[in-house]
Amino acid sequence: MTNVLDAPQTANGRSAARTMKALVYLGPGKKALQDHAMPVLGAQTDAIVRVRKTTICGSDLHILKGDVPTCTPGRILGHEGTGVVDEIGTGVTQFKVGDRVVISCISSCGKCDNCRKGMYSHCTTGGWILGNEIDGTQAEYVRIPHADTSLYRIPTGADEEALVMLSDILPTGFECGVLNGMVQPGATVAIVGAGPVGLAALLTAQFYSPAEIISIDLDDNRLAVAAKFGATHTVNSSDGNAAAKIMAMTGGRGVDTAIEAVGVPDTFLICQDIVAPGGRIANIGVHGIKVDLHLERLWSQNITLTTRLVDTVTTPMLLKAIQAHKVDPKQLITHHFTLDKVEEAYETFGQAAKTQALKVIIEA
């Protein structure tokens, strides 16, 4: 393969020496919008995508807290978005320059043992690397490894903003919460956390017609949104009595599926306190510190505990569901910004209790 670093220009004539605007992680608690070198193809299977719309994820906030050691200072943040293919390597066969695409948060080769198991999140040359181990999407351009299996073409007439939610949050809520939690018709489901990923789990849990969906959060505004999105019951957990309320609500039985969608010890404990015998705890949250697992009382309860990093194996199905108006992830979008206001977007997203933000759209 030709060493692209030796080439003064990219394949479409774009100067590799040009710069772009990008949000750069500078260490725990630090970030800045900076001029940054434009990405160049690093492999024949890469594509360069001109970013049109991106967003901020709770995982980005975890990076800024220092919870993700694989993300080092100097990294461009972001792993979600839509855009237009600007350049492709000679090994890319499924896309051409000018195609409008959804960027998957997970890069997958489709060939390694883990990918062949459908576990794209643990691809040996990919996984969650965008905005983590390689430069991400909160920029004007981004390099996408394994483009043929890490991009999805946007159908004609599709709502591009809605499809930004398909990059990560919708498949995360669905795969890590709903599928791992084995939500079934007539079941009782509790979703601990009514932030964006908890609400995504709420929207997609309704594919399986559970009898009850209980949403638990500290924020009454988010609980109101959860009720609007289909929660049959809401519980404010600020008084520390959420588990007792849910046990009373279920006649002392507990819930069939408890979905943890926050990533802190208290919410994980609530799940343990409310899961019914034979039930499932499906963890979605990114945990930055240790949590306690109370096997002294759960060892005999026949429960199942699942963890997962989203694999995005359901992205094609969810795209069809969006196109068929079976689910509307655009409901999750509350604020809009341009890339030059990305730091303001982070402030808005990070102070959600004050701003009532769910997902923000950043236009590059």
Protein backbone atom coordinates (compact mmCIF):
# COMPACT_ATOMS: atom_id res chain seq x y z
CA MET A 1 0.00 0.00 0.00
CA THR A 2 1.27 3.48 -0.83
CA ASN A 3 2.33 5.45 2.23
CA VAL A 4 -0.26 8.22 2.25
CA LEU A 5 1.94 10.31 4.50
CA ASP A 6 4.34 10.71 1.58
CA ALA A 7 1.62 12.17 -0.64
CA PRO A 8 1.20 15.97 -0.65
CA GLN A 9 -2.45 15.68 -1.64
CA THR A 10 -5.30 13.29 -0.99
CA ALA A 11 -6.89 11.25 -3.76
CA ASN A 12 -9.51 13.89 -4.54
CA GLY A 13 -6.95 16.67 -4.73
CA ARG A 14 -7.60 17.97 -1.22
CA SER A 15 -4.36 19.14 0.35
CA ALA A 16 -3.36 16.92 3.24
CA ALA A 17 -1.71 19.94 4.86
CA ARG A 18 -5.00 21.84 5.22
CA THR A 19 -6.53 22.25 8.63
CA MET A 20 -10.05 21.93 9.95
CA LYS A 21 -11.91 22.83 13.12
CA ALA A 22 -12.15 20.05 15.71
CA LEU A 23 -12.96 19.64 19.40
CA VAL A 24 -9.85 18.25 21.06
CA TYR A 25 -9.60 16.49 24.43
CA LEU A 26 -6.75 18.05 26.44
CA GLY A 27 -6.94 15.92 29.58
CA PRO A 28 -9.46 15.44 32.41
CA GLY A 29 -11.80 18.42 32.54
CA LYS A 30 -10.17 20.11 29.55
CA LYS A 31 -11.19 20.46 25.91
CA ALA A 32 -10.93 23.11 23.20
CA LEU A 33 -12.05 23.84 19.66
CA GLN A 34 -8.81 23.97 17.71
CA ASP A 35 -7.37 24.04 14.22
CA HIS A 36 -6.33 20.45 13.50
CA ALA A 37 -4.73 18.65 10.59
CA MET A 38 -7.22 17.16 8.13
CA PRO A 39 -7.48 13.35 8.25
CA VAL A 40 -5.90 11.30 5.49
CA LEU A 41 -6.47 7.72 4.38
CA GLY A 42 -4.40 5.32 6.45
CA ALA A 43 -5.51 2.06 4.81
CA GLN A 44 -7.15 0.98 1.57
CA THR A 45 -10.35 0.20 3.46
CA ASP A 46 -10.67 3.71 4.96
CA ALA A 47 -13.01 6.51 3.96
CA ILE A 48 -12.86 10.20 4.75
CA VAL A 49 -16.28 11.61 5.61
CA ARG A 50 -17.21 15.29 5.65
CA VAL A 51 -19.25 15.55 8.83
CA ARG A 52 -22.64 17.24 8.49
CA LYS A 53 -24.20 16.55 11.87
CA THR A 54 -22.81 15.12 15.09
CA THR A 55 -23.81 14.98 18.74
CA ILE A 56 -22.51 14.53 22.29
CA CYS A 57 -22.77 11.26 24.20
CA GLY A 58 -22.61 10.52 27.90
CA SER A 59 -19.44 8.59 27.07
CA ASP A 60 -17.83 11.88 26.01
CA LEU A 61 -18.58 13.24 29.48
CA HIS A 62 -17.02 10.12 31.00
CA ILE A 63 -13.88 10.79 28.93
CA LEU A 64 -13.75 14.35 30.23
CA LYS A 65 -14.03 13.01 33.79
CA GLY A 66 -10.96 10.83 33.14
CA ASP A 67 -12.96 7.58 33.28
CA VAL A 68 -11.71 6.30 29.89
CA PRO A 69 -7.92 5.86 30.03
CA THR A 70 -7.71 4.68 26.40
CA CYS A 71 -8.58 8.23 25.32
CA THR A 72 -5.44 10.32 25.62
CA PRO A 73 -4.92 14.09 25.42
CA GLY A 74 -4.84 15.41 21.85
CA ARG A 75 -7.71 13.19 20.68
CA ILE A 76 -10.61 14.63 18.69
CA LEU A 77 -13.79 13.69 20.54
CA GLY A 78 -17.06 12.24 19.22
CA HIS A 79 -18.23 8.91 17.80
CA GLU A 80 -21.63 9.72 16.28
CA GLY A 81 -22.84 11.57 13.23
CA THR A 82 -23.86 11.74 9.62
CA GLY A 83 -21.97 13.08 6.66
CA VAL A 84 -20.94 12.82 3.04
CA VAL A 85 -18.20 10.52 1.74
CA ASP A 86 -15.36 12.78 0.63
CA GLU A 87 -12.70 10.22 -0.26
CA ILE A 88 -12.35 6.42 -0.29
CA GLY A 89 -9.50 3.97 -0.27
CA THR A 90 -9.04 1.59 -3.16
CA GLY A 91 -10.43 -1.29 -1.06
CA VAL A 92 -13.80 0.38 -0.39
CA THR A 93 -16.47 -1.17 -2.64
CA GLN A 94 -19.82 -0.33 -1.00
CA PHE A 95 -19.58 3.46 -1.05
CA LYS A 96 -18.57 6.18 -3.45
CA VAL A 97 -17.65 9.84 -3.09
CA GLY A 98 -20.79 11.89 -2.52
CA ASP A 99 -22.79 9.20 -0.70
CA ARG A 100 -24.69 10.42 2.37
CA VAL A 101 -23.95 8.12 5.30
CA VAL A 102 -24.58 7.36 8.95
CA ILE A 103 -21.34 6.89 10.88
CA SER A 104 -21.50 3.94 13.27
CA CYS A 105 -19.97 4.45 16.71
CA ILE A 106 -18.44 0.98 16.28
CA SER A 107 -15.84 0.26 13.60
CA SER A 108 -15.85 -3.37 12.46
CA CYS A 109 -13.75 -5.34 10.00
CA GLY A 110 -16.44 -8.02 9.61
CA LYS A 111 -13.75 -10.70 9.34
CA CYS A 112 -12.14 -11.34 12.73
CA ASP A 113 -13.44 -14.01 15.13
CA ASN A 114 -15.35 -11.49 17.24
CA CYS A 115 -16.99 -9.86 14.22
CA ARG A 116 -18.03 -13.27 12.89
CA LYS A 117 -19.79 -13.81 16.23
CA GLY A 118 -21.65 -10.54 15.73
CA MET A 119 -19.59 -8.94 18.50
CA TYR A 120 -18.43 -5.93 16.49
CA SER A 121 -17.68 -3.94 19.64
CA HIS A 122 -14.71 -6.24 20.19
CA CYS A 123 -13.40 -6.22 16.62
CA THR A 124 -9.67 -6.85 16.90
CA THR A 125 -8.88 -3.86 14.66
CA GLY A 126 -11.90 -1.72 15.49
CA GLY A 127 -14.62 -1.57 18.14
CA TRP A 128 -15.22 1.71 19.95
CA ILE A 129 -12.19 3.54 18.66
CA LEU A 130 -13.72 6.73 17.19
CA GLY A 131 -13.23 9.60 19.59
CA ASN A 132 -11.44 7.22 21.91
CA GLU A 133 -8.37 5.60 20.38
CA ILE A 134 -8.50 7.46 17.06
CA ASP A 135 -9.82 10.91 16.14
CA GLY A 136 -13.58 11.24 16.18
CA THR A 137 -16.54 13.03 14.65
CA GLN A 138 -16.74 16.36 16.49
CA ALA A 139 -14.86 17.93 13.61
CA GLU A 140 -15.35 18.96 10.01
CA TYR A 141 -13.90 15.69 8.66
CA VAL A 142 -13.27 12.22 10.08
CA ARG A 143 -11.42 9.10 8.94
CA ILE A 144 -13.56 5.97 9.11
CA PRO A 145 -11.69 2.63 9.23
CA HIS A 146 -13.35 -0.42 7.68
CA ALA A 147 -15.71 1.88 5.81
CA ASP A 148 -17.67 -0.86 4.04
CA THR A 149 -18.85 -2.30 7.36
CA SER A 150 -18.80 0.84 9.52
CA LEU A 151 -20.96 3.20 7.45
CA TYR A 152 -24.63 2.99 6.47
CA ARG A 153 -26.09 4.70 3.42
CA ILE A 154 -28.84 7.23 4.20
CA PRO A 155 -31.99 6.42 2.21
CA THR A 156 -33.44 9.09 -0.06
CA GLY A 157 -35.85 11.29 1.85
CA ALA A 158 -34.73 10.13 5.28
CA ASP A 159 -34.59 12.59 8.17
CA GLU A 160 -30.86 13.02 8.72
CA GLU A 161 -31.20 14.40 12.24
CA ALA A 162 -33.19 11.35 13.32
CA LEU A 163 -30.48 9.12 11.87
CA VAL A 164 -27.78 10.74 14.01
CA MET A 165 -29.48 8.83 16.84
CA LEU A 166 -28.78 5.64 14.90
CA SER A 167 -25.02 6.09 15.29
CA ASP A 168 -25.04 4.98 18.91
CA ILE A 169 -27.87 5.80 21.30
CA LEU A 170 -30.71 3.87 19.66
CA PRO A 171 -28.81 0.59 19.12
CA THR A 172 -27.21 0.98 22.56
CA GLY A 173 -30.55 1.24 24.34
CA PHE A 174 -31.98 -1.56 22.23
CA GLU A 175 -29.10 -4.07 22.27
CA CYS A 176 -27.63 -3.52 25.74
CA GLY A 177 -30.95 -2.89 27.46
CA VAL A 178 -33.92 -4.39 25.63
CA LEU A 179 -32.32 -7.41 23.93
CA ASN A 180 -29.97 -8.30 26.77
CA GLY A 181 -32.86 -7.76 29.18
CA MET A 182 -35.02 -10.12 27.12
CA VAL A 183 -38.05 -7.82 27.30
CA GLN A 184 -41.15 -9.87 26.47
CA PRO A 185 -44.87 -9.26 25.89
CA GLY A 186 -46.70 -8.75 29.18
CA ALA A 187 -43.49 -8.26 31.17
CA THR A 188 -42.77 -5.60 33.78
CA VAL A 189 -39.70 -3.53 32.89
CA ALA A 190 -37.92 -0.91 34.99
CA ILE A 191 -35.48 1.49 33.37
CA VAL A 192 -33.26 3.20 35.94
CA GLY A 193 -32.22 6.47 34.35
CA ALA A 194 -34.33 8.65 32.04
CA GLY A 195 -31.45 10.28 30.24
CA PRO A 196 -31.01 9.85 26.49
CA VAL A 197 -29.91 6.19 26.57
CA GLY A 198 -32.61 5.25 29.08
CA LEU A 199 -35.20 6.92 26.88
CA ALA A 200 -33.82 5.08 23.85
CA ALA A 201 -34.32 1.83 25.75
CA LEU A 202 -37.85 2.98 26.60
CA LEU A 203 -38.69 3.70 22.96
CA THR A 204 -37.37 0.37 21.70
CA ALA A 205 -38.73 -1.75 24.59
CA GLN A 206 -42.17 -1.01 23.19
CA PHE A 207 -41.37 -3.19 20.15
CA TYR A 208 -42.08 -6.15 22.49
CA SER A 209 -45.31 -4.92 24.17
CA PRO A 210 -44.38 -5.18 27.86
CA ALA A 211 -47.35 -4.66 30.18
CA GLU A 212 -45.55 -2.08 32.32
CA ILE A 213 -42.54 0.16 31.82
CA ILE A 214 -41.42 1.96 34.98
CA SER A 215 -39.03 4.90 34.51
CA ILE A 216 -36.86 5.93 37.48
CA ASP A 217 -34.88 9.18 37.67
CA LEU A 218 -33.97 12.09 39.94
CA ASP A 219 -35.33 14.68 37.48
CA ASP A 220 -39.07 15.31 37.25
CA ASN A 221 -38.66 16.89 33.81
CA ARG A 222 -37.06 13.74 32.43
CA LEU A 223 -39.72 11.62 34.06
CA ALA A 224 -42.37 13.73 32.32
CA VAL A 225 -40.59 13.09 29.02
CA ALA A 226 -40.48 9.35 29.82
CA ALA A 227 -44.24 9.35 30.41
CA LYS A 228 -44.73 11.15 27.09
CA PHE A 229 -42.55 8.51 25.39
CA GLY A 230 -44.58 5.60 26.76
CA ALA A 231 -43.62 4.87 30.37
CA THR A 232 -46.65 3.52 32.24
CA HIS A 233 -45.28 4.62 35.64
CA THR A 234 -42.59 7.06 36.79
CA VAL A 235 -40.70 7.13 40.07
CA ASN A 236 -38.57 9.99 41.39
CA SER A 237 -35.64 8.38 43.22
CA SER A 238 -34.37 11.55 44.96
CA ASP A 239 -35.77 10.47 48.36
CA GLY A 240 -33.85 7.18 48.32
CA ASN A 241 -37.03 5.11 48.40
CA ALA A 242 -37.33 4.17 44.72
CA ALA A 243 -36.86 0.43 45.32
CA ALA A 244 -39.52 0.33 48.03
CA LYS A 245 -41.96 2.20 45.80
CA ILE A 246 -41.40 -0.20 42.91
CA MET A 247 -41.75 -3.27 45.10
CA ALA A 248 -45.05 -1.89 46.39
CA MET A 249 -46.11 -1.09 42.83
CA THR A 250 -45.46 -4.70 41.77
CA GLY A 251 -47.11 -6.30 44.79
CA GLY A 252 -43.75 -7.26 46.28
CA ARG A 253 -42.74 -9.35 43.24
CA GLY A 254 -40.28 -7.02 41.56
CA VAL A 255 -39.63 -6.53 37.85
CA ASP A 256 -38.84 -9.03 35.12
CA THR A 257 -36.20 -6.75 33.59
CA ALA A 258 -34.23 -4.01 35.34
CA ILE A 259 -32.22 -1.87 32.90
CA GLU A 260 -29.39 0.18 34.41
CA ALA A 261 -28.91 3.28 32.23
CA VAL A 262 -26.80 5.63 34.35
CA GLY A 263 -23.53 4.00 35.42
CA VAL A 264 -23.26 4.86 39.13
CA PRO A 265 -23.36 2.61 42.23
CA ASP A 266 -26.76 3.84 43.48
CA THR A 267 -28.60 3.01 40.27
CA PHE A 268 -26.97 -0.41 40.01
CA LEU A 269 -28.09 -1.07 43.58
CA ILE A 270 -31.68 -0.12 42.74
CA CYS A 271 -31.65 -2.74 39.98
CA GLN A 272 -30.52 -5.41 42.44
CA ASP A 273 -33.22 -4.38 44.92
CA ILE A 274 -36.11 -4.57 42.42
CA VAL A 275 -35.30 -7.53 40.16
CA ALA A 276 -37.77 -10.41 40.57
CA PRO A 277 -36.68 -14.03 41.04
CA GLY A 278 -35.74 -15.30 37.59
CA GLY A 279 -35.41 -11.74 36.32
CA ARG A 280 -32.64 -9.99 34.43
CA ILE A 281 -30.45 -6.98 35.16
CA ALA A 282 -29.22 -5.47 31.89
CA ASN A 283 -26.43 -2.98 32.41
CA ILE A 284 -26.00 -0.17 29.89
CA GLY A 285 -24.29 2.48 32.03
CA VAL A 286 -20.58 3.28 31.76
CA HIS A 287 -19.22 2.67 35.27
CA GLY A 288 -16.19 4.73 36.21
CA ILE A 289 -15.90 3.37 39.76
CA LYS A 290 -16.53 -0.01 41.40
CA VAL A 291 -20.02 -1.13 42.37
CA ASP A 292 -21.20 -3.75 44.85
CA LEU A 293 -22.90 -6.93 43.70
CA HIS A 294 -24.93 -8.35 46.59
CA LEU A 295 -24.60 -12.05 45.96
CA GLU A 296 -25.25 -12.70 49.65
CA ARG A 297 -28.94 -12.20 48.82
CA LEU A 298 -29.03 -12.74 45.04
CA TRP A 299 -27.16 -16.04 44.79
CA SER A 300 -30.37 -18.06 45.09
CA GLN A 301 -32.67 -15.83 43.05
CA ASN A 302 -32.00 -17.28 39.57
CA ILE A 303 -31.26 -13.82 38.16
CA THR A 304 -29.16 -13.06 35.10
CA LEU A 305 -26.82 -10.05 34.94
CA THR A 306 -25.66 -8.88 31.52
CA THR A 307 -23.10 -6.33 30.41
CA ARG A 308 -22.44 -5.18 26.89
CA LEU A 309 -20.78 -2.59 24.73
CA VAL A 310 -23.10 -1.90 21.82
CA ASP A 311 -22.30 -4.01 18.75
CA THR A 312 -24.55 -2.10 16.30
CA VAL A 313 -25.68 -5.42 14.79
CA THR A 314 -29.25 -4.09 14.88
CA THR A 315 -28.52 -0.86 13.02
CA PRO A 316 -29.96 -2.05 9.67
CA MET A 317 -33.15 -3.24 11.36
CA LEU A 318 -33.51 -0.01 13.35
CA LEU A 319 -32.99 2.02 10.18
CA LYS A 320 -35.92 0.18 8.61
CA ALA A 321 -38.02 0.73 11.75
CA ILE A 322 -37.31 4.47 11.59
CA GLN A 323 -38.20 4.57 7.90
CA ALA A 324 -41.45 2.73 8.63
CA HIS A 325 -42.27 5.23 11.43
CA LYS A 326 -42.29 2.46 14.05
CA VAL A 327 -39.94 4.48 16.27
CA ASP A 328 -39.09 8.18 16.23
CA PRO A 329 -35.67 8.91 17.73
CA LYS A 330 -35.92 12.56 16.67
CA GLN A 331 -37.99 13.03 19.83
CA LEU A 332 -34.73 12.81 21.74
CA ILE A 333 -33.30 15.98 20.14
CA THR A 334 -33.78 19.14 22.21
CA HIS A 335 -31.04 21.59 21.19
CA HIS A 336 -29.12 22.66 18.06
CA PHE A 337 -25.66 24.21 17.74
CA THR A 338 -23.04 24.85 15.10
CA LEU A 339 -19.52 23.47 15.45
CA ASP A 340 -18.11 26.86 16.46
CA LYS A 341 -20.47 26.70 19.48
CA VAL A 342 -19.53 23.13 20.44
CA GLU A 343 -18.22 24.13 23.87
CA GLU A 344 -21.55 25.82 24.59
CA ALA A 345 -23.22 22.58 23.44
CA TYR A 346 -21.18 20.66 26.03
CA GLU A 347 -22.23 23.08 28.77
CA THR A 348 -25.87 22.66 27.78
CA PHE A 349 -25.63 18.86 27.61
CA GLY A 350 -23.62 18.60 30.83
CA GLN A 351 -26.13 20.69 32.80
CA ALA A 352 -29.19 18.79 31.64
CA ALA A 353 -31.10 19.23 34.88
CA LYS A 354 -30.94 22.99 34.35
CA THR A 355 -31.24 23.13 30.55
CA GLN A 356 -33.63 20.15 30.11
CA ALA A 357 -31.30 18.88 27.37
CA LEU A 358 -31.53 15.37 25.99
CA LYS A 359 -29.59 15.05 22.74
CA VAL A 360 -28.00 18.04 21.04
CA ILE A 361 -27.30 18.30 17.33
CA ILE A 362 -24.07 19.98 16.25
CA GLU A 363 -23.88 21.02 12.61
CA ALA A 364 -20.42 21.00 11.14
